[in-house]
Amino acid sequence: MSMLQFTVPPLPHYMLCGPSHYAPGGRHVSRRNVGVFDLLFVREGCLYMAEEDRTFEVGEGCALILRPDRYHYGTKGCEVPTSYYWLHFQTTGSWAATDGEPPRHGEEAYDEKRTQALWSYATHTFPIHVPQFVRLSQPGKAEELFEQLVKLNQSFYSGSAKWSQQSVFQELLRQLSASAAKDESTPAAACADQAAAYLRKHYREPVTAQELGERLNFHPVYIARCMQRYYGCPPMEYLLRHRIEQAKLLLLQTDHPVARVAEEVGFNQAAYFTSCFTRAEGLSPRKFRQRFAYG
């Protein structure tokens, strides 16, 4: 497996992303030495890509990072309608391409000079490894992160939005790195991913744990355990968090009244929405808008 090794800090930083689509016969453009990393994540269909003499079939749920210093091109047209996200990122730190699995760090020998240096105020760098091509173990989670980045693009001049973009991008890189580990692709991870995808798709509608179990054909208790393990929360809490995130975007990007925002994201009562939002964010929807809409 080809890995990209980044020395951090500084961390790779997000620049811009967006959705794209090809009809059958469409192919990716050819570019040489573009100067930025180009991350492609396919939602459906397949992209046929090459970087120099290496070819890739980037199918549904797969991601490919094209290097900034190489020639890349589409090897042939798409055979079926293909939709994907593209994302440009860069690093001001050092990086390198390596072959093989990332090194597994065992217990290190004691080094007196190094130990003393760690107690100093100097900045200490370390490597992170991201696969150049990988099938995501949780493609639904990756798609959710891309959706967040695209929506945050609409608040280009908001300082809080830019900060959020970098945070979401780091989580996306972590998802790519975690997917390189073979033991991540488990039935439990697939169950959690399916549940999260369903909740994101139907967040505007009333959803119960029982309904979720019936839709996915899993027991609600099993779904809850899977989501707790891979998302850190049970389904209904995940749904609430997603609704709050969507509400934050509406508060920043529109001038809709709070009651309408509540309705748009699946709350039947504005007062309950305000209570949940305040508990999650530490301030009311109205104060959130006042503080961050023009941040």
C-alpha atoms as a PDB file:
ATOM      1  CA  MET A   1       0.000   0.000   0.000  1.00  0.00           C
ATOM      2  CA  SER A   2       1.327   3.414  -0.960  1.00  0.00           C
ATOM      3  CA  MET A   3       1.307   5.822   1.984  1.00  0.00           C
ATOM      4  CA  LEU A   4       1.790   9.566   2.227  1.00  0.00           C
ATOM      5  CA  GLN A   5       3.790  10.494   5.316  1.00  0.00           C
ATOM      6  CA  PHE A   6       3.310  14.013   6.692  1.00  0.00           C
ATOM      7  CA  THR A   7       5.553  15.469   9.372  1.00  0.00           C
ATOM      8  CA  VAL A   8       3.447  17.466  11.840  1.00  0.00           C
ATOM      9  CA  PRO A   9       3.139  20.099  13.075  1.00  0.00           C
ATOM     10  CA  PRO A  10       2.163  21.899  10.925  1.00  0.00           C
ATOM     11  CA  LEU A  11      -0.865  19.838   9.985  1.00  0.00           C
ATOM     12  CA  PRO A  12      -2.033  19.575   6.374  1.00  0.00           C
ATOM     13  CA  HIS A  13      -4.637  22.283   5.823  1.00  0.00           C
ATOM     14  CA  TYR A  14      -7.926  22.335   3.930  1.00  0.00           C
ATOM     15  CA  MET A  15      -8.308  24.691   0.973  1.00  0.00           C
ATOM     16  CA  LEU A  16     -11.543  23.986  -0.929  1.00  0.00           C
ATOM     17  CA  CYS A  17     -13.857  21.138  -1.913  1.00  0.00           C
ATOM     18  CA  GLY A  18     -17.042  20.470  -3.843  1.00  0.00           C
ATOM     19  CA  PRO A  19     -19.250  17.824  -5.453  1.00  0.00           C
ATOM     20  CA  SER A  20     -18.907  16.783  -9.080  1.00  0.00           C
ATOM     21  CA  HIS A  21     -20.615  14.425 -11.493  1.00  0.00           C
ATOM     22  CA  TYR A  22     -19.809  12.667 -14.757  1.00  0.00           C
ATOM     23  CA  ALA A  23     -22.290  11.139 -17.172  1.00  0.00           C
ATOM     24  CA  PRO A  24     -21.222   7.895 -18.885  1.00  0.00           C
ATOM     25  CA  GLY A  25     -18.225   8.665 -21.075  1.00  0.00           C
ATOM     26  CA  GLY A  26     -16.989  11.550 -18.945  1.00  0.00           C
ATOM     27  CA  ARG A  27     -13.451  11.391 -17.622  1.00  0.00           C
ATOM     28  CA  HIS A  28     -11.275  13.326 -15.199  1.00  0.00           C
ATOM     29  CA  VAL A  29      -9.172  16.158 -16.600  1.00  0.00           C
ATOM     30  CA  SER A  30      -5.435  15.780 -17.147  1.00  0.00           C
ATOM     31  CA  ARG A  31      -3.159  17.989 -15.043  1.00  0.00           C
ATOM     32  CA  ARG A  32       0.541  18.204 -14.300  1.00  0.00           C
ATOM     33  CA  ASN A  33       2.248  19.545 -11.158  1.00  0.00           C
ATOM     34  CA  VAL A  34      -0.866  21.323  -9.857  1.00  0.00           C
ATOM     35  CA  GLY A  35       0.868  22.288  -6.624  1.00  0.00           C
ATOM     36  CA  VAL A  36      -1.864  20.994  -4.269  1.00  0.00           C
ATOM     37  CA  PHE A  37      -3.010  17.572  -3.084  1.00  0.00           C
ATOM     38  CA  ASP A  38      -6.273  16.536  -4.783  1.00  0.00           C
ATOM     39  CA  LEU A  39      -8.420  14.132  -2.767  1.00  0.00           C
ATOM     40  CA  LEU A  40     -11.194  12.312  -4.669  1.00  0.00           C
ATOM     41  CA  PHE A  41     -13.971  10.402  -2.884  1.00  0.00           C
ATOM     42  CA  VAL A  42     -16.487   8.505  -5.031  1.00  0.00           C
ATOM     43  CA  ARG A  43     -20.085   8.336  -3.820  1.00  0.00           C
ATOM     44  CA  GLU A  44     -21.391   6.189  -6.695  1.00  0.00           C
ATOM     45  CA  GLY A  45     -19.989   4.885  -9.943  1.00  0.00           C
ATOM     46  CA  CYS A  46     -16.279   4.655 -10.680  1.00  0.00           C
ATOM     47  CA  LEU A  47     -13.446   6.969 -11.748  1.00  0.00           C
ATOM     48  CA  TYR A  48     -10.638   5.485 -13.836  1.00  0.00           C
ATOM     49  CA  MET A  49      -7.497   7.397 -12.903  1.00  0.00           C
ATOM     50  CA  ALA A  50      -3.750   7.279 -13.369  1.00  0.00           C
ATOM     51  CA  GLU A  51      -0.858   9.114 -11.750  1.00  0.00           C
ATOM     52  CA  GLU A  52       2.242   8.808 -13.914  1.00  0.00           C
ATOM     53  CA  ASP A  53       2.366   5.033 -14.612  1.00  0.00           C
ATOM     54  CA  ARG A  54       0.101   3.901 -11.740  1.00  0.00           C
ATOM     55  CA  THR A  55      -3.568   3.253 -12.471  1.00  0.00           C
ATOM     56  CA  PHE A  56      -6.515   3.278 -10.048  1.00  0.00           C
ATOM     57  CA  GLU A  57     -10.148   2.235 -10.259  1.00  0.00           C
ATOM     58  CA  VAL A  58     -11.764   4.522  -7.698  1.00  0.00           C
ATOM     59  CA  GLY A  59     -15.085   2.822  -7.056  1.00  0.00           C
ATOM     60  CA  GLU A  60     -17.956   3.635  -4.724  1.00  0.00           C
ATOM     61  CA  GLY A  61     -16.730   4.324  -1.190  1.00  0.00           C
ATOM     62  CA  CYS A  62     -13.085   4.643  -2.281  1.00  0.00           C
ATOM     63  CA  ALA A  63     -10.736   7.614  -1.956  1.00  0.00           C
ATOM     64  CA  LEU A  64      -7.619   8.570  -3.914  1.00  0.00           C
ATOM     65  CA  ILE A  65      -5.112  11.329  -3.145  1.00  0.00           C
ATOM     66  CA  LEU A  66      -3.353  12.727  -6.200  1.00  0.00           C
ATOM     67  CA  ARG A  67       0.057  14.196  -5.468  1.00  0.00           C
ATOM     68  CA  PRO A  68       0.887  17.861  -6.179  1.00  0.00           C
ATOM     69  CA  ASP A  69       4.117  17.027  -8.020  1.00  0.00           C
ATOM     70  CA  ARG A  70       2.925  14.396 -10.502  1.00  0.00           C
ATOM     71  CA  TYR A  71       0.995  14.090 -13.756  1.00  0.00           C
ATOM     72  CA  HIS A  72      -2.503  12.642 -13.343  1.00  0.00           C
ATOM     73  CA  TYR A  73      -5.234  11.926 -15.861  1.00  0.00           C
ATOM     74  CA  GLY A  74      -8.358   9.885 -16.558  1.00  0.00           C
ATOM     75  CA  THR A  75      -7.515   6.623 -18.279  1.00  0.00           C
ATOM     76  CA  LYS A  76     -10.992   6.153 -19.753  1.00  0.00           C
ATOM     77  CA  GLY A  77     -14.518   7.475 -19.547  1.00  0.00           C
ATOM     78  CA  CYS A  78     -16.924   6.485 -16.797  1.00  0.00           C
ATOM     79  CA  GLU A  79     -19.042   3.459 -17.661  1.00  0.00           C
ATOM     80  CA  VAL A  80     -21.984   4.535 -15.453  1.00  0.00           C
ATOM     81  CA  PRO A  81     -23.137   7.870 -13.963  1.00  0.00           C
ATOM     82  CA  THR A  82     -20.497   8.775 -11.392  1.00  0.00           C
ATOM     83  CA  SER A  83     -20.698  11.302  -8.573  1.00  0.00           C
ATOM     84  CA  TYR A  84     -17.809  12.214  -6.317  1.00  0.00           C
ATOM     85  CA  TYR A  85     -16.322  14.867  -4.065  1.00  0.00           C
ATOM     86  CA  TRP A  86     -13.013  16.582  -4.782  1.00  0.00           C
ATOM     87  CA  LEU A  87     -10.944  18.333  -2.115  1.00  0.00           C
ATOM     88  CA  HIS A  88      -7.760  20.377  -2.391  1.00  0.00           C
ATOM     89  CA  PHE A  89      -5.371  20.524   0.546  1.00  0.00           C
ATOM     90  CA  GLN A  90      -1.778  21.506   1.151  1.00  0.00           C
ATOM     91  CA  THR A  91       0.923  21.361   3.782  1.00  0.00           C
ATOM     92  CA  THR A  92       3.704  23.764   4.625  1.00  0.00           C
ATOM     93  CA  GLY A  93       5.493  20.971   6.458  1.00  0.00           C
ATOM     94  CA  SER A  94       7.557  18.157   4.991  1.00  0.00           C
ATOM     95  CA  TRP A  95       5.999  15.074   3.423  1.00  0.00           C
ATOM     96  CA  ALA A  96       7.097  11.961   1.546  1.00  0.00           C
ATOM     97  CA  ALA A  97       5.581   9.017  -0.334  1.00  0.00           C
ATOM     98  CA  THR A  98       6.398   5.569   1.040  1.00  0.00           C
ATOM     99  CA  ASP A  99       5.534   2.018   0.031  1.00  0.00           C
ATOM    100  CA  GLY A 100       4.141  -0.520   2.426  1.00  0.00           C
ATOM    101  CA  GLU A 101       2.231  -0.350   5.694  1.00  0.00           C
ATOM    102  CA  PRO A 102       2.974   2.462   8.150  1.00  0.00           C
ATOM    103  CA  PRO A 103       5.537   1.464  10.766  1.00  0.00           C
ATOM    104  CA  ARG A 104       4.175  -0.018  13.970  1.00  0.00           C
ATOM    105  CA  HIS A 105       5.842   1.691  16.902  1.00  0.00           C
ATOM    106  CA  GLY A 106       6.732  -0.591  19.746  1.00  0.00           C
ATOM    107  CA  GLU A 107       8.310   0.297  23.051  1.00  0.00           C
ATOM    108  CA  GLU A 108      11.202   2.706  22.475  1.00  0.00           C
ATOM    109  CA  ALA A 109      14.604   2.364  24.059  1.00  0.00           C
ATOM    110  CA  TYR A 110      15.442   4.956  26.693  1.00  0.00           C
ATOM    111  CA  ASP A 111      17.343   7.894  25.251  1.00  0.00           C
ATOM    112  CA  GLU A 112      18.523  10.335  27.935  1.00  0.00           C
ATOM    113  CA  LYS A 113      19.175  13.250  25.544  1.00  0.00           C
ATOM    114  CA  ARG A 114      15.847  12.783  23.797  1.00  0.00           C
ATOM    115  CA  THR A 115      14.007  12.535  27.109  1.00  0.00           C
ATOM    116  CA  GLN A 116      15.585  15.773  28.297  1.00  0.00           C
ATOM    117  CA  ALA A 117      14.633  17.445  25.002  1.00  0.00           C
ATOM    118  CA  LEU A 118      11.011  16.414  25.414  1.00  0.00           C
ATOM    119  CA  TRP A 119      10.888  18.440  28.618  1.00  0.00           C
ATOM    120  CA  SER A 120      12.124  21.559  26.849  1.00  0.00           C
ATOM    121  CA  TYR A 121       9.918  24.112  25.144  1.00  0.00           C
ATOM    122  CA  ALA A 122      11.007  23.111  21.638  1.00  0.00           C
ATOM    123  CA  THR A 123       8.411  21.973  19.100  1.00  0.00           C
ATOM    124  CA  HIS A 124       8.602  18.228  18.505  1.00  0.00           C
ATOM    125  CA  THR A 125       7.347  16.851  15.209  1.00  0.00           C
ATOM    126  CA  PHE A 126       5.975  13.380  14.488  1.00  0.00           C
ATOM    127  CA  PRO A 127       4.770  11.538  11.362  1.00  0.00           C
ATOM    128  CA  ILE A 128       1.195  10.749  10.357  1.00  0.00           C
ATOM    129  CA  HIS A 129       0.449   8.242   7.602  1.00  0.00           C
ATOM    130  CA  VAL A 130      -2.423   8.572   5.139  1.00  0.00           C
ATOM    131  CA  PRO A 131      -3.041   5.973   2.396  1.00  0.00           C
ATOM    132  CA  GLN A 132      -2.923   7.331  -1.126  1.00  0.00           C
ATOM    133  CA  PHE A 133      -5.703   4.940  -2.203  1.00  0.00           C
ATOM    134  CA  VAL A 134      -8.138   3.224   0.154  1.00  0.00           C
ATOM    135  CA  ARG A 135     -11.637   1.831   0.441  1.00  0.00           C
ATOM    136  CA  LEU A 136     -13.241   3.663   3.348  1.00  0.00           C
ATOM    137  CA  SER A 137     -14.297   1.416   6.226  1.00  0.00           C
ATOM    138  CA  GLN A 138     -17.078   3.926   6.977  1.00  0.00           C
ATOM    139  CA  PRO A 139     -17.919   5.656   3.686  1.00  0.00           C
ATOM    140  CA  GLY A 140     -21.102   7.157   5.133  1.00  0.00           C
ATOM    141  CA  LYS A 141     -19.091   8.963   7.785  1.00  0.00           C
ATOM    142  CA  ALA A 142     -16.711  10.294   5.128  1.00  0.00           C
ATOM    143  CA  GLU A 143     -19.647  11.482   3.031  1.00  0.00           C
ATOM    144  CA  GLU A 144     -21.051  13.265   6.073  1.00  0.00           C
ATOM    145  CA  LEU A 145     -17.745  15.074   6.578  1.00  0.00           C
ATOM    146  CA  PHE A 146     -17.644  16.153   2.930  1.00  0.00           C
ATOM    147  CA  GLU A 147     -21.205  17.438   3.198  1.00  0.00           C
ATOM    148  CA  GLN A 148     -20.215  19.515   6.224  1.00  0.00           C
ATOM    149  CA  LEU A 149     -17.251  21.006   4.353  1.00  0.00           C
ATOM    150  CA  VAL A 150     -19.379  21.908   1.325  1.00  0.00           C
ATOM    151  CA  LYS A 151     -21.971  23.626   3.505  1.00  0.00           C
ATOM    152  CA  LEU A 152     -19.274  25.500   5.419  1.00  0.00           C
ATOM    153  CA  ASN A 153     -17.976  26.847   2.081  1.00  0.00           C
ATOM    154  CA  GLN A 154     -21.099  28.995   1.979  1.00  0.00           C
ATOM    155  CA  SER A 155     -19.879  30.899   5.058  1.00  0.00           C
ATOM    156  CA  PHE A 156     -16.558  31.784   3.427  1.00  0.00           C
ATOM    157  CA  TYR A 157     -16.070  35.020   5.368  1.00  0.00           C
ATOM    158  CA  SER A 158     -16.956  33.585   8.756  1.00  0.00           C
ATOM    159  CA  GLY A 159     -13.943  32.984  10.968  1.00  0.00           C
ATOM    160  CA  SER A 160     -15.794  30.314  12.933  1.00  0.00           C
ATOM    161  CA  ALA A 161     -16.649  28.485   9.680  1.00  0.00           C
ATOM    162  CA  LYS A 162     -12.994  28.433   8.581  1.00  0.00           C
ATOM    163  CA  TRP A 163     -11.975  27.019  11.946  1.00  0.00           C
ATOM    164  CA  SER A 164     -14.684  24.356  11.658  1.00  0.00           C
ATOM    165  CA  GLN A 165     -13.499  23.450   8.150  1.00  0.00           C
ATOM    166  CA  GLN A 166      -9.996  22.679   9.367  1.00  0.00           C
ATOM    167  CA  SER A 167     -11.373  20.583  12.227  1.00  0.00           C
ATOM    168  CA  VAL A 168     -13.646  18.586   9.909  1.00  0.00           C
ATOM    169  CA  PHE A 169     -10.784  18.081   7.439  1.00  0.00           C
ATOM    170  CA  GLN A 170      -8.524  16.651  10.153  1.00  0.00           C
ATOM    171  CA  GLU A 171     -11.245  14.158  11.051  1.00  0.00           C
ATOM    172  CA  LEU A 172     -11.502  13.202   7.373  1.00  0.00           C
ATOM    173  CA  LEU A 173      -7.755  12.495   7.236  1.00  0.00           C
ATOM    174  CA  ARG A 174      -8.119  10.406  10.386  1.00  0.00           C
ATOM    175  CA  GLN A 175     -10.880   8.389   8.716  1.00  0.00           C
ATOM    176  CA  LEU A 176      -8.611   7.715   5.724  1.00  0.00           C
ATOM    177  CA  SER A 177      -5.782   6.626   7.987  1.00  0.00           C
ATOM    178  CA  ALA A 178      -8.020   4.373  10.099  1.00  0.00           C
ATOM    179  CA  SER A 179      -9.414   2.720   6.975  1.00  0.00           C
ATOM    180  CA  ALA A 180      -5.947   1.451   6.092  1.00  0.00           C
ATOM    181  CA  ALA A 181      -6.143  -0.892   9.086  1.00  0.00           C
ATOM    182  CA  LYS A 182      -7.703  -4.152   7.918  1.00  0.00           C
ATOM    183  CA  ASP A 183      -9.480  -4.855  11.205  1.00  0.00           C
ATOM    184  CA  GLU A 184     -11.610  -1.725  10.881  1.00  0.00           C
ATOM    185  CA  SER A 185     -13.909  -3.288   8.259  1.00  0.00           C
ATOM    186  CA  THR A 186     -16.232  -5.245  10.559  1.00  0.00           C
ATOM    187  CA  PRO A 187     -19.956  -6.005  10.502  1.00  0.00           C
ATOM    188  CA  ALA A 188     -20.371  -3.716  13.516  1.00  0.00           C
ATOM    189  CA  ALA A 189     -18.715  -0.837  11.659  1.00  0.00           C
ATOM    190  CA  ALA A 190     -20.948  -1.453   8.644  1.00  0.00           C
ATOM    191  CA  CYS A 191     -24.045  -1.456  10.866  1.00  0.00           C
ATOM    192  CA  ALA A 192     -23.006   1.818  12.507  1.00  0.00           C
ATOM    193  CA  ASP A 193     -22.317   3.387   9.131  1.00  0.00           C
ATOM    194  CA  GLN A 194     -25.689   2.312   7.704  1.00  0.00           C
ATOM    195  CA  ALA A 195     -27.493   3.663  10.754  1.00  0.00           C
ATOM    196  CA  ALA A 196     -25.678   6.995  10.609  1.00  0.00           C
ATOM    197  CA  ALA A 197     -26.400   7.329   6.875  1.00  0.00           C
ATOM    198  CA  TYR A 198     -30.103   6.653   7.444  1.00  0.00           C
ATOM    199  CA  LEU A 199     -30.299   9.210  10.259  1.00  0.00           C
ATOM    200  CA  ARG A 200     -28.539  11.878   8.195  1.00  0.00           C
ATOM    201  CA  LYS A 201     -30.884  11.269   5.276  1.00  0.00           C
ATOM    202  CA  HIS A 202     -34.068  11.382   7.370  1.00  0.00           C
ATOM    203  CA  TYR A 203     -33.117  13.918  10.038  1.00  0.00           C
ATOM    204  CA  ARG A 204     -36.015  16.208   9.093  1.00  0.00           C
ATOM    205  CA  GLU A 205     -38.497  13.403   9.828  1.00  0.00           C
ATOM    206  CA  PRO A 206     -39.621  11.809  13.111  1.00  0.00           C
ATOM    207  CA  VAL A 207     -37.339   8.799  13.654  1.00  0.00           C
ATOM    208  CA  THR A 208     -37.481   6.232  16.466  1.00  0.00           C
ATOM    209  CA  ALA A 209     -35.051   3.517  17.494  1.00  0.00           C
ATOM    210  CA  GLN A 210     -37.682   0.911  16.616  1.00  0.00           C
ATOM    211  CA  GLU A 211     -38.141   2.329  13.109  1.00  0.00           C
ATOM    212  CA  LEU A 212     -34.374   2.441  12.598  1.00  0.00           C
ATOM    213  CA  GLY A 213     -34.121  -1.233  13.567  1.00  0.00           C
ATOM    214  CA  GLU A 214     -36.875  -2.189  11.150  1.00  0.00           C
ATOM    215  CA  ARG A 215     -35.304  -0.228   8.289  1.00  0.00           C
ATOM    216  CA  LEU A 216     -31.863  -1.762   8.781  1.00  0.00           C
ATOM    217  CA  ASN A 217     -33.096  -5.205   9.845  1.00  0.00           C
ATOM    218  CA  PHE A 218     -31.025  -5.115  13.046  1.00  0.00           C
ATOM    219  CA  HIS A 219     -32.146  -5.119  16.662  1.00  0.00           C
ATOM    220  CA  PRO A 220     -32.209  -1.542  18.065  1.00  0.00           C
ATOM    221  CA  VAL A 221     -29.950  -2.575  20.959  1.00  0.00           C
ATOM    222  CA  TYR A 222     -27.325  -3.920  18.541  1.00  0.00           C
ATOM    223  CA  ILE A 223     -27.489  -0.734  16.468  1.00  0.00           C
ATOM    224  CA  ALA A 224     -27.035   1.346  19.613  1.00  0.00           C
ATOM    225  CA  ARG A 225     -23.962  -0.668  20.645  1.00  0.00           C
ATOM    226  CA  CYS A 226     -22.420  -0.353  17.174  1.00  0.00           C
ATOM    227  CA  MET A 227     -22.981   3.402  17.010  1.00  0.00           C
ATOM    228  CA  GLN A 228     -21.666   3.881  20.538  1.00  0.00           C
ATOM    229  CA  ARG A 229     -18.487   2.060  19.551  1.00  0.00           C
ATOM    230  CA  TYR A 230     -17.834   3.794  16.219  1.00  0.00           C
ATOM    231  CA  TYR A 231     -19.522   7.176  16.675  1.00  0.00           C
ATOM    232  CA  GLY A 232     -19.264   7.623  20.426  1.00  0.00           C
ATOM    233  CA  CYS A 233     -23.019   8.005  20.983  1.00  0.00           C
ATOM    234  CA  PRO A 234     -26.300   6.082  20.548  1.00  0.00           C
ATOM    235  CA  PRO A 235     -28.531   6.686  17.499  1.00  0.00           C
ATOM    236  CA  MET A 236     -30.932   9.239  18.966  1.00  0.00           C
ATOM    237  CA  GLU A 237     -28.084  11.323  20.357  1.00  0.00           C
ATOM    238  CA  TYR A 238     -26.372  11.176  16.950  1.00  0.00           C
ATOM    239  CA  LEU A 239     -29.617  12.328  15.336  1.00  0.00           C
ATOM    240  CA  LEU A 240     -29.897  15.210  17.799  1.00  0.00           C
ATOM    241  CA  ARG A 241     -26.288  16.276  17.180  1.00  0.00           C
ATOM    242  CA  HIS A 242     -26.815  16.179  13.413  1.00  0.00           C
ATOM    243  CA  ARG A 243     -29.961  18.273  13.702  1.00  0.00           C
ATOM    244  CA  ILE A 244     -28.107  20.829  15.816  1.00  0.00           C
ATOM    245  CA  GLU A 245     -25.277  21.003  13.244  1.00  0.00           C
ATOM    246  CA  GLN A 246     -27.769  21.562  10.438  1.00  0.00           C
ATOM    247  CA  ALA A 247     -29.482  24.236  12.530  1.00  0.00           C
ATOM    248  CA  LYS A 248     -26.160  26.024  13.055  1.00  0.00           C
ATOM    249  CA  LEU A 249     -25.638  26.191   9.306  1.00  0.00           C
ATOM    250  CA  LEU A 250     -29.132  27.619   8.754  1.00  0.00           C
ATOM    251  CA  LEU A 251     -28.589  30.189  11.495  1.00  0.00           C
ATOM    252  CA  LEU A 252     -25.332  31.295   9.850  1.00  0.00           C
ATOM    253  CA  GLN A 253     -26.460  31.173   6.238  1.00  0.00           C
ATOM    254  CA  THR A 254     -30.079  32.406   6.377  1.00  0.00           C
ATOM    255  CA  ASP A 255     -32.196  34.937   8.214  1.00  0.00           C
ATOM    256  CA  HIS A 256     -34.984  32.436   8.905  1.00  0.00           C
ATOM    257  CA  PRO A 257     -36.763  32.901  12.257  1.00  0.00           C
ATOM    258  CA  VAL A 258     -35.706  30.441  14.945  1.00  0.00           C
ATOM    259  CA  ALA A 259     -39.068  28.684  14.741  1.00  0.00           C
ATOM    260  CA  ARG A 260     -38.586  27.987  11.050  1.00  0.00           C
ATOM    261  CA  VAL A 261     -35.023  26.772  11.605  1.00  0.00           C
ATOM    262  CA  ALA A 262     -36.375  24.381  14.226  1.00  0.00           C
ATOM    263  CA  GLU A 263     -38.958  23.045  11.805  1.00  0.00           C
ATOM    264  CA  GLU A 264     -36.433  22.700   8.957  1.00  0.00           C
ATOM    265  CA  VAL A 265     -34.193  20.417  11.033  1.00  0.00           C
ATOM    266  CA  GLY A 266     -36.888  18.151  12.455  1.00  0.00           C
ATOM    267  CA  PHE A 267     -38.053  19.770  15.702  1.00  0.00           C
ATOM    268  CA  ASN A 268     -41.802  20.021  16.194  1.00  0.00           C
ATOM    269  CA  GLN A 269     -41.571  22.670  18.917  1.00  0.00           C
ATOM    270  CA  ALA A 270     -39.370  25.769  18.796  1.00  0.00           C
ATOM    271  CA  ALA A 271     -39.079  25.878  22.590  1.00  0.00           C
ATOM    272  CA  TYR A 272     -37.722  22.315  22.720  1.00  0.00           C
ATOM    273  CA  PHE A 273     -35.305  23.126  19.896  1.00  0.00           C
ATOM    274  CA  THR A 274     -34.026  26.184  21.780  1.00  0.00           C
ATOM    275  CA  SER A 275     -33.577  24.095  24.925  1.00  0.00           C
ATOM    276  CA  CYS A 276     -31.617  21.358  23.094  1.00  0.00           C
ATOM    277  CA  PHE A 277     -29.519  23.882  21.157  1.00  0.00           C
ATOM    278  CA  THR A 278     -28.645  25.866  24.290  1.00  0.00           C
ATOM    279  CA  ARG A 279     -27.663  22.716  26.167  1.00  0.00           C
ATOM    280  CA  ALA A 280     -25.437  21.563  23.300  1.00  0.00           C
ATOM    281  CA  GLU A 281     -23.810  24.889  22.356  1.00  0.00           C
ATOM    282  CA  GLY A 282     -23.875  26.845  25.609  1.00  0.00           C
ATOM    283  CA  LEU A 283     -25.899  29.713  24.139  1.00  0.00           C
ATOM    284  CA  SER A 284     -29.303  30.151  22.526  1.00  0.00           C
ATOM    285  CA  PRO A 285     -29.878  29.975  18.749  1.00  0.00           C
ATOM    286  CA  ARG A 286     -30.473  33.724  18.619  1.00  0.00           C
ATOM    287  CA  LYS A 287     -27.259  34.521  20.510  1.00  0.00           C
ATOM    288  CA  PHE A 288     -25.348  31.993  18.385  1.00  0.00           C
ATOM    289  CA  ARG A 289     -26.454  33.825  15.252  1.00  0.00           C
ATOM    290  CA  GLN A 290     -25.538  37.218  16.724  1.00  0.00           C
ATOM    291  CA  ARG A 291     -22.077  36.045  17.728  1.00  0.00           C
ATOM    292  CA  PHE A 292     -21.005  34.013  14.706  1.00  0.00           C
ATOM    293  CA  ALA A 293     -23.027  35.023  11.644  1.00  0.00           C
ATOM    294  CA  TYR A 294     -20.574  37.793  10.810  1.00  0.00           C
ATOM    295  CA  GLY A 295     -17.564  36.428  12.686  1.00  0.00           C
END
